[in-house]
Amino acid sequence: MTTYKEQQKKKQYYVLLENCTVQATFGNLKKVCEFMNGKEFYSYHTLVRKEFPVSYKDYKLFKVKHY
């Protein structure tokens, strides 16, 4: 069983930028897709297979470590 400290080291967050402005941060990729619903952006199944950072038109999606 892993300790809380070890779990926190492994945590990663998704940061969504639009025109270099932070729009939101998310704990999982599914929430990013729900937030972007109705906007022109990649689907969940496409994002899972892409390498980060992901760029699409004015949007950028980064995967960052929790500190």
PDB file of N, CA and C in Angstrom:
ATOM      1  N   MET A   1       0.840  -1.176   0.000  1.00  0.00           N
ATOM      2  CA  MET A   1       0.000   0.000   0.000  1.00  0.00           C
ATOM      3  C   MET A   1       0.891   1.248   0.000  1.00  0.00           C
ATOM      4  N   THR A   2       0.526   2.210  -0.830  1.00  0.00           N
ATOM      5  CA  THR A   2       1.338   3.425  -0.926  1.00  0.00           C
ATOM      6  C   THR A   2       0.879   4.462   0.090  1.00  0.00           C
ATOM      7  N   THR A   3       1.805   5.263   0.514  1.00  0.00           N
ATOM      8  CA  THR A   3       1.488   6.308   1.486  1.00  0.00           C
ATOM      9  C   THR A   3       0.912   7.526   0.760  1.00  0.00           C
ATOM     10  N   TYR A   4       0.341   8.420   1.535  1.00  0.00           N
ATOM     11  CA  TYR A   4      -0.236   9.643   0.980  1.00  0.00           C
ATOM     12  C   TYR A   4       0.831  10.463   0.257  1.00  0.00           C
ATOM     13  N   LYS A   5       2.007  10.531   0.833  1.00  0.00           N
ATOM     14  CA  LYS A   5       3.101  11.302   0.242  1.00  0.00           C
ATOM     15  C   LYS A   5       3.502  10.728  -1.120  1.00  0.00           C
ATOM     16  N   GLU A   6       3.550   9.409  -1.233  1.00  0.00           N
ATOM     17  CA  GLU A   6       3.880   8.766  -2.502  1.00  0.00           C
ATOM     18  C   GLU A   6       2.790   9.004  -3.541  1.00  0.00           C
ATOM     19  N   GLN A   7       1.538   8.988  -3.108  1.00  0.00           N
ATOM     20  CA  GLN A   7       0.424   9.253  -4.019  1.00  0.00           C
ATOM     21  C   GLN A   7       0.501  10.669  -4.572  1.00  0.00           C
ATOM     22  N   GLN A   8       0.851  11.625  -3.730  1.00  0.00           N
ATOM     23  CA  GLN A   8       0.940  13.018  -4.157  1.00  0.00           C
ATOM     24  C   GLN A   8       2.080  13.234  -5.154  1.00  0.00           C
ATOM     25  N   LYS A   9       3.156  12.471  -5.016  1.00  0.00           N
ATOM     26  CA  LYS A   9       4.276  12.588  -5.951  1.00  0.00           C
ATOM     27  C   LYS A   9       3.877  12.153  -7.355  1.00  0.00           C
ATOM     28  N   LYS A  10       2.989  11.177  -7.454  1.00  0.00           N
ATOM     29  CA  LYS A  10       2.570  10.642  -8.745  1.00  0.00           C
ATOM     30  C   LYS A  10       1.470  11.466  -9.414  1.00  0.00           C
ATOM     31  N   LYS A  11       0.841  12.370  -8.676  1.00  0.00           N
ATOM     32  CA  LYS A  11      -0.276  13.140  -9.214  1.00  0.00           C
ATOM     33  C   LYS A  11       0.160  14.049 -10.352  1.00  0.00           C
ATOM     34  N   GLN A  12      -0.702  14.125 -11.361  1.00  0.00           N
ATOM     35  CA  GLN A  12      -0.476  15.042 -12.466  1.00  0.00           C
ATOM     36  C   GLN A  12      -1.784  15.748 -12.781  1.00  0.00           C
ATOM     37  N   TYR A  13      -1.672  16.985 -13.220  1.00  0.00           N
ATOM     38  CA  TYR A  13      -2.842  17.783 -13.551  1.00  0.00           C
ATOM     39  C   TYR A  13      -2.761  18.224 -15.004  1.00  0.00           C
ATOM     40  N   TYR A  14      -3.912  18.555 -15.558  1.00  0.00           N
ATOM     41  CA  TYR A  14      -3.997  19.071 -16.913  1.00  0.00           C
ATOM     42  C   TYR A  14      -4.316  20.554 -16.838  1.00  0.00           C
ATOM     43  N   VAL A  15      -3.544  21.360 -17.546  1.00  0.00           N
ATOM     44  CA  VAL A  15      -3.747  22.807 -17.575  1.00  0.00           C
ATOM     45  C   VAL A  15      -4.130  23.181 -19.001  1.00  0.00           C
ATOM     46  N   LEU A  16      -5.285  23.837 -19.138  1.00  0.00           N
ATOM     47  CA  LEU A  16      -5.792  24.247 -20.443  1.00  0.00           C
ATOM     48  C   LEU A  16      -5.553  25.738 -20.635  1.00  0.00           C
ATOM     49  N   LEU A  17      -4.869  26.076 -21.726  1.00  0.00           N
ATOM     50  CA  LEU A  17      -4.593  27.474 -22.065  1.00  0.00           C
ATOM     51  C   LEU A  17      -5.320  27.840 -23.354  1.00  0.00           C
ATOM     52  N   GLU A  18      -5.847  29.057 -23.382  1.00  0.00           N
ATOM     53  CA  GLU A  18      -6.413  29.602 -24.615  1.00  0.00           C
ATOM     54  C   GLU A  18      -5.735  30.943 -24.853  1.00  0.00           C
ATOM     55  N   ASN A  19      -5.015  31.048 -25.956  1.00  0.00           N
ATOM     56  CA  ASN A  19      -4.243  32.258 -26.269  1.00  0.00           C
ATOM     57  C   ASN A  19      -3.312  32.639 -25.119  1.00  0.00           C
ATOM     58  N   CYS A  20      -2.615  31.670 -24.572  1.00  0.00           N
ATOM     59  CA  CYS A  20      -1.648  31.862 -23.476  1.00  0.00           C
ATOM     60  C   CYS A  20      -2.286  32.346 -22.177  1.00  0.00           C
ATOM     61  N   THR A  21      -3.583  32.172 -22.020  1.00  0.00           N
ATOM     62  CA  THR A  21      -4.296  32.513 -20.793  1.00  0.00           C
ATOM     63  C   THR A  21      -4.850  31.228 -20.194  1.00  0.00           C
ATOM     64  N   VAL A  22      -4.605  31.001 -18.919  1.00  0.00           N
ATOM     65  CA  VAL A  22      -5.091  29.785 -18.268  1.00  0.00           C
ATOM     66  C   VAL A  22      -6.614  29.820 -18.188  1.00  0.00           C
ATOM     67  N   GLN A  23      -7.259  28.804 -18.745  1.00  0.00           N
ATOM     68  CA  GLN A  23      -8.713  28.690 -18.700  1.00  0.00           C
ATOM     69  C   GLN A  23      -9.161  27.876 -17.499  1.00  0.00           C
ATOM     70  N   ALA A  24      -8.463  26.760 -17.240  1.00  0.00           N
ATOM     71  CA  ALA A  24      -8.835  25.892 -16.126  1.00  0.00           C
ATOM     72  C   ALA A  24      -7.754  24.846 -15.903  1.00  0.00           C
ATOM     73  N   THR A  25      -7.824  24.214 -14.726  1.00  0.00           N
ATOM     74  CA  THR A  25      -6.970  23.065 -14.428  1.00  0.00           C
ATOM     75  C   THR A  25      -7.877  21.895 -14.085  1.00  0.00           C
ATOM     76  N   PHE A  26      -7.441  20.695 -14.421  1.00  0.00           N
ATOM     77  CA  PHE A  26      -8.265  19.510 -14.241  1.00  0.00           C
ATOM     78  C   PHE A  26      -7.436  18.370 -13.672  1.00  0.00           C
ATOM     79  N   GLY A  27      -8.108  17.476 -12.967  1.00  0.00           N
ATOM     80  CA  GLY A  27      -7.456  16.308 -12.408  1.00  0.00           C
ATOM     81  C   GLY A  27      -7.445  15.128 -13.345  1.00  0.00           C
ATOM     82  N   ASN A  28      -8.376  15.112 -14.306  1.00  0.00           N
ATOM     83  CA  ASN A  28      -8.377  14.015 -15.268  1.00  0.00           C
ATOM     84  C   ASN A  28      -8.806  14.506 -16.648  1.00  0.00           C
ATOM     85  N   LEU A  29      -8.509  13.726 -17.638  1.00  0.00           N
ATOM     86  CA  LEU A  29      -8.717  14.105 -19.027  1.00  0.00           C
ATOM     87  C   LEU A  29     -10.193  14.168 -19.401  1.00  0.00           C
ATOM     88  N   LYS A  30     -10.994  13.346 -18.774  1.00  0.00           N
ATOM     89  CA  LYS A  30     -12.429  13.329 -19.073  1.00  0.00           C
ATOM     90  C   LYS A  30     -13.071  14.676 -18.724  1.00  0.00           C
ATOM     91  N   LYS A  31     -12.640  15.288 -17.632  1.00  0.00           N
ATOM     92  CA  LYS A  31     -13.166  16.600 -17.221  1.00  0.00           C
ATOM     93  C   LYS A  31     -12.781  17.684 -18.227  1.00  0.00           C
ATOM     94  N   VAL A  32     -11.601  17.567 -18.805  1.00  0.00           N
ATOM     95  CA  VAL A  32     -11.181  18.514 -19.840  1.00  0.00           C
ATOM     96  C   VAL A  32     -12.152  18.442 -21.014  1.00  0.00           C
ATOM     97  N   CYS A  33     -12.480  17.229 -21.431  1.00  0.00           N
ATOM     98  CA  CYS A  33     -13.378  17.035 -22.571  1.00  0.00           C
ATOM     99  C   CYS A  33     -14.786  17.531 -22.266  1.00  0.00           C
ATOM    100  N   GLU A  34     -15.262  17.336 -21.036  1.00  0.00           N
ATOM    101  CA  GLU A  34     -16.577  17.851 -20.650  1.00  0.00           C
ATOM    102  C   GLU A  34     -16.582  19.377 -20.678  1.00  0.00           C
ATOM    103  N   PHE A  35     -15.509  19.998 -20.227  1.00  0.00           N
ATOM    104  CA  PHE A  35     -15.386  21.458 -20.227  1.00  0.00           C
ATOM    105  C   PHE A  35     -15.372  22.006 -21.655  1.00  0.00           C
ATOM    106  N   MET A  36     -14.731  21.284 -22.563  1.00  0.00           N
ATOM    107  CA  MET A  36     -14.593  21.734 -23.947  1.00  0.00           C
ATOM    108  C   MET A  36     -15.750  21.294 -24.833  1.00  0.00           C
ATOM    109  N   ASN A  37     -16.768  20.664 -24.277  1.00  0.00           N
ATOM    110  CA  ASN A  37     -17.922  20.206 -25.040  1.00  0.00           C
ATOM    111  C   ASN A  37     -18.580  21.392 -25.750  1.00  0.00           C
ATOM    112  N   GLY A  38     -18.808  21.264 -27.041  1.00  0.00           N
ATOM    113  CA  GLY A  38     -19.411  22.334 -27.823  1.00  0.00           C
ATOM    114  C   GLY A  38     -18.390  23.252 -28.467  1.00  0.00           C
ATOM    115  N   LYS A  39     -17.138  23.162 -28.049  1.00  0.00           N
ATOM    116  CA  LYS A  39     -16.067  23.957 -28.647  1.00  0.00           C
ATOM    117  C   LYS A  39     -15.266  23.050 -29.569  1.00  0.00           C
ATOM    118  N   GLU A  40     -14.585  23.642 -30.503  1.00  0.00           N
ATOM    119  CA  GLU A  40     -13.809  22.858 -31.449  1.00  0.00           C
ATOM    120  C   GLU A  40     -12.499  22.425 -30.798  1.00  0.00           C
ATOM    121  N   PHE A  41     -12.441  21.157 -30.403  1.00  0.00           N
ATOM    122  CA  PHE A  41     -11.271  20.599 -29.736  1.00  0.00           C
ATOM    123  C   PHE A  41     -11.275  19.095 -29.945  1.00  0.00           C
ATOM    124  N   TYR A  42     -10.160  18.448 -29.646  1.00  0.00           N
ATOM    125  CA  TYR A  42     -10.054  16.997 -29.802  1.00  0.00           C
ATOM    126  C   TYR A  42     -11.018  16.259 -28.874  1.00  0.00           C
ATOM    127  N   SER A  43     -11.387  15.045 -29.285  1.00  0.00           N
ATOM    128  CA  SER A  43     -12.217  14.195 -28.432  1.00  0.00           C
ATOM    129  C   SER A  43     -11.337  13.483 -27.402  1.00  0.00           C
ATOM    130  N   TYR A  44     -11.976  12.859 -26.440  1.00  0.00           N
ATOM    131  CA  TYR A  44     -11.256  12.138 -25.383  1.00  0.00           C
ATOM    132  C   TYR A  44     -10.355  11.053 -25.977  1.00  0.00           C
ATOM    133  N   HIS A  45     -10.897  10.283 -26.912  1.00  0.00           N
ATOM    134  CA  HIS A  45     -10.143   9.165 -27.477  1.00  0.00           C
ATOM    135  C   HIS A  45      -8.927   9.637 -28.272  1.00  0.00           C
ATOM    136  N   THR A  46      -9.004  10.813 -28.838  1.00  0.00           N
ATOM    137  CA  THR A  46      -7.855  11.374 -29.545  1.00  0.00           C
ATOM    138  C   THR A  46      -6.807  11.872 -28.555  1.00  0.00           C
ATOM    139  N   LEU A  47      -7.252  12.555 -27.503  1.00  0.00           N
ATOM    140  CA  LEU A  47      -6.325  13.104 -26.512  1.00  0.00           C
ATOM    141  C   LEU A  47      -5.541  12.021 -25.779  1.00  0.00           C
ATOM    142  N   VAL A  48      -6.178  10.890 -25.531  1.00  0.00           N
ATOM    143  CA  VAL A  48      -5.517   9.793 -24.820  1.00  0.00           C
ATOM    144  C   VAL A  48      -4.286   9.319 -25.587  1.00  0.00           C
ATOM    145  N   ARG A  49      -4.361   9.363 -26.898  1.00  0.00           N
ATOM    146  CA  ARG A  49      -3.280   8.838 -27.730  1.00  0.00           C
ATOM    147  C   ARG A  49      -2.214   9.877 -28.096  1.00  0.00           C
ATOM    148  N   LYS A  50      -2.468  11.135 -27.818  1.00  0.00           N
ATOM    149  CA  LYS A  50      -1.520  12.203 -28.161  1.00  0.00           C
ATOM    150  C   LYS A  50      -0.445  12.341 -27.092  1.00  0.00           C
ATOM    151  N   GLU A  51       0.701  12.864 -27.502  1.00  0.00           N
ATOM    152  CA  GLU A  51       1.765  13.183 -26.552  1.00  0.00           C
ATOM    153  C   GLU A  51       1.600  14.629 -26.113  1.00  0.00           C
ATOM    154  N   PHE A  52       1.920  14.900 -24.865  1.00  0.00           N
ATOM    155  CA  PHE A  52       1.740  16.239 -24.306  1.00  0.00           C
ATOM    156  C   PHE A  52       3.011  17.043 -24.447  1.00  0.00           C
ATOM    157  N   PRO A  53       2.909  18.344 -24.623  1.00  0.00           N
ATOM    158  CA  PRO A  53       1.719  19.186 -24.674  1.00  0.00           C
ATOM    159  C   PRO A  53       0.987  19.061 -26.012  1.00  0.00           C
ATOM    160  N   VAL A  54      -0.334  19.226 -25.960  1.00  0.00           N
ATOM    161  CA  VAL A  54      -1.192  19.127 -27.133  1.00  0.00           C
ATOM    162  C   VAL A  54      -1.588  20.542 -27.554  1.00  0.00           C
ATOM    163  N   SER A  55      -1.453  20.839 -28.828  1.00  0.00           N
ATOM    164  CA  SER A  55      -1.872  22.137 -29.365  1.00  0.00           C
ATOM    165  C   SER A  55      -2.931  21.922 -30.430  1.00  0.00           C
ATOM    166  N   TYR A  56      -3.981  22.742 -30.382  1.00  0.00           N
ATOM    167  CA  TYR A  56      -5.030  22.697 -31.394  1.00  0.00           C
ATOM    168  C   TYR A  56      -5.624  24.087 -31.515  1.00  0.00           C
ATOM    169  N   LYS A  57      -5.425  24.710 -32.670  1.00  0.00           N
ATOM    170  CA  LYS A  57      -5.863  26.085 -32.927  1.00  0.00           C
ATOM    171  C   LYS A  57      -5.349  27.008 -31.828  1.00  0.00           C
ATOM    172  N   ASP A  58      -6.227  27.678 -31.083  1.00  0.00           N
ATOM    173  CA  ASP A  58      -5.801  28.618 -30.039  1.00  0.00           C
ATOM    174  C   ASP A  58      -5.589  27.946 -28.685  1.00  0.00           C
ATOM    175  N   TYR A  59      -5.838  26.647 -28.589  1.00  0.00           N
ATOM    176  CA  TYR A  59      -5.781  25.938 -27.312  1.00  0.00           C
ATOM    177  C   TYR A  59      -4.483  25.154 -27.164  1.00  0.00           C
ATOM    178  N   LYS A  60      -4.007  25.084 -25.926  1.00  0.00           N
ATOM    179  CA  LYS A  60      -2.865  24.234 -25.581  1.00  0.00           C
ATOM    180  C   LYS A  60      -3.217  23.504 -24.294  1.00  0.00           C
ATOM    181  N   LEU A  61      -2.877  22.239 -24.243  1.00  0.00           N
ATOM    182  CA  LEU A  61      -3.146  21.419 -23.068  1.00  0.00           C
ATOM    183  C   LEU A  61      -1.827  20.832 -22.583  1.00  0.00           C
ATOM    184  N   PHE A  62      -1.497  21.128 -21.327  1.00  0.00           N
ATOM    185  CA  PHE A  62      -0.256  20.653 -20.722  1.00  0.00           C
ATOM    186  C   PHE A  62      -0.562  19.674 -19.601  1.00  0.00           C
ATOM    187  N   LYS A  63       0.341  18.729 -19.408  1.00  0.00           N
ATOM    188  CA  LYS A  63       0.274  17.804 -18.274  1.00  0.00           C
ATOM    189  C   LYS A  63       1.398  18.206 -17.333  1.00  0.00           C
ATOM    190  N   VAL A  64       1.038  18.589 -16.099  1.00  0.00           N
ATOM    191  CA  VAL A  64       2.040  19.068 -15.145  1.00  0.00           C
ATOM    192  C   VAL A  64       2.006  18.237 -13.871  1.00  0.00           C
ATOM    193  N   LYS A  65       3.155  18.148 -13.204  1.00  0.00           N
ATOM    194  CA  LYS A  65       3.251  17.406 -11.946  1.00  0.00           C
ATOM    195  C   LYS A  65       2.725  18.237 -10.794  1.00  0.00           C
ATOM    196  N   HIS A  66       2.231  17.567  -9.786  1.00  0.00           N
ATOM    197  CA  HIS A  66       1.762  18.199  -8.556  1.00  0.00           C
ATOM    198  C   HIS A  66       2.956  18.424  -7.631  1.00  0.00           C
ATOM    199  N   TYR A  67       3.090  19.646  -7.108  1.00  0.00           N
ATOM    200  CA  TYR A  67       4.179  19.946  -6.175  1.00  0.00           C
ATOM    201  C   TYR A  67       3.619  20.414  -4.870  1.00  0.00           C
TER     202      TYR A  67
END
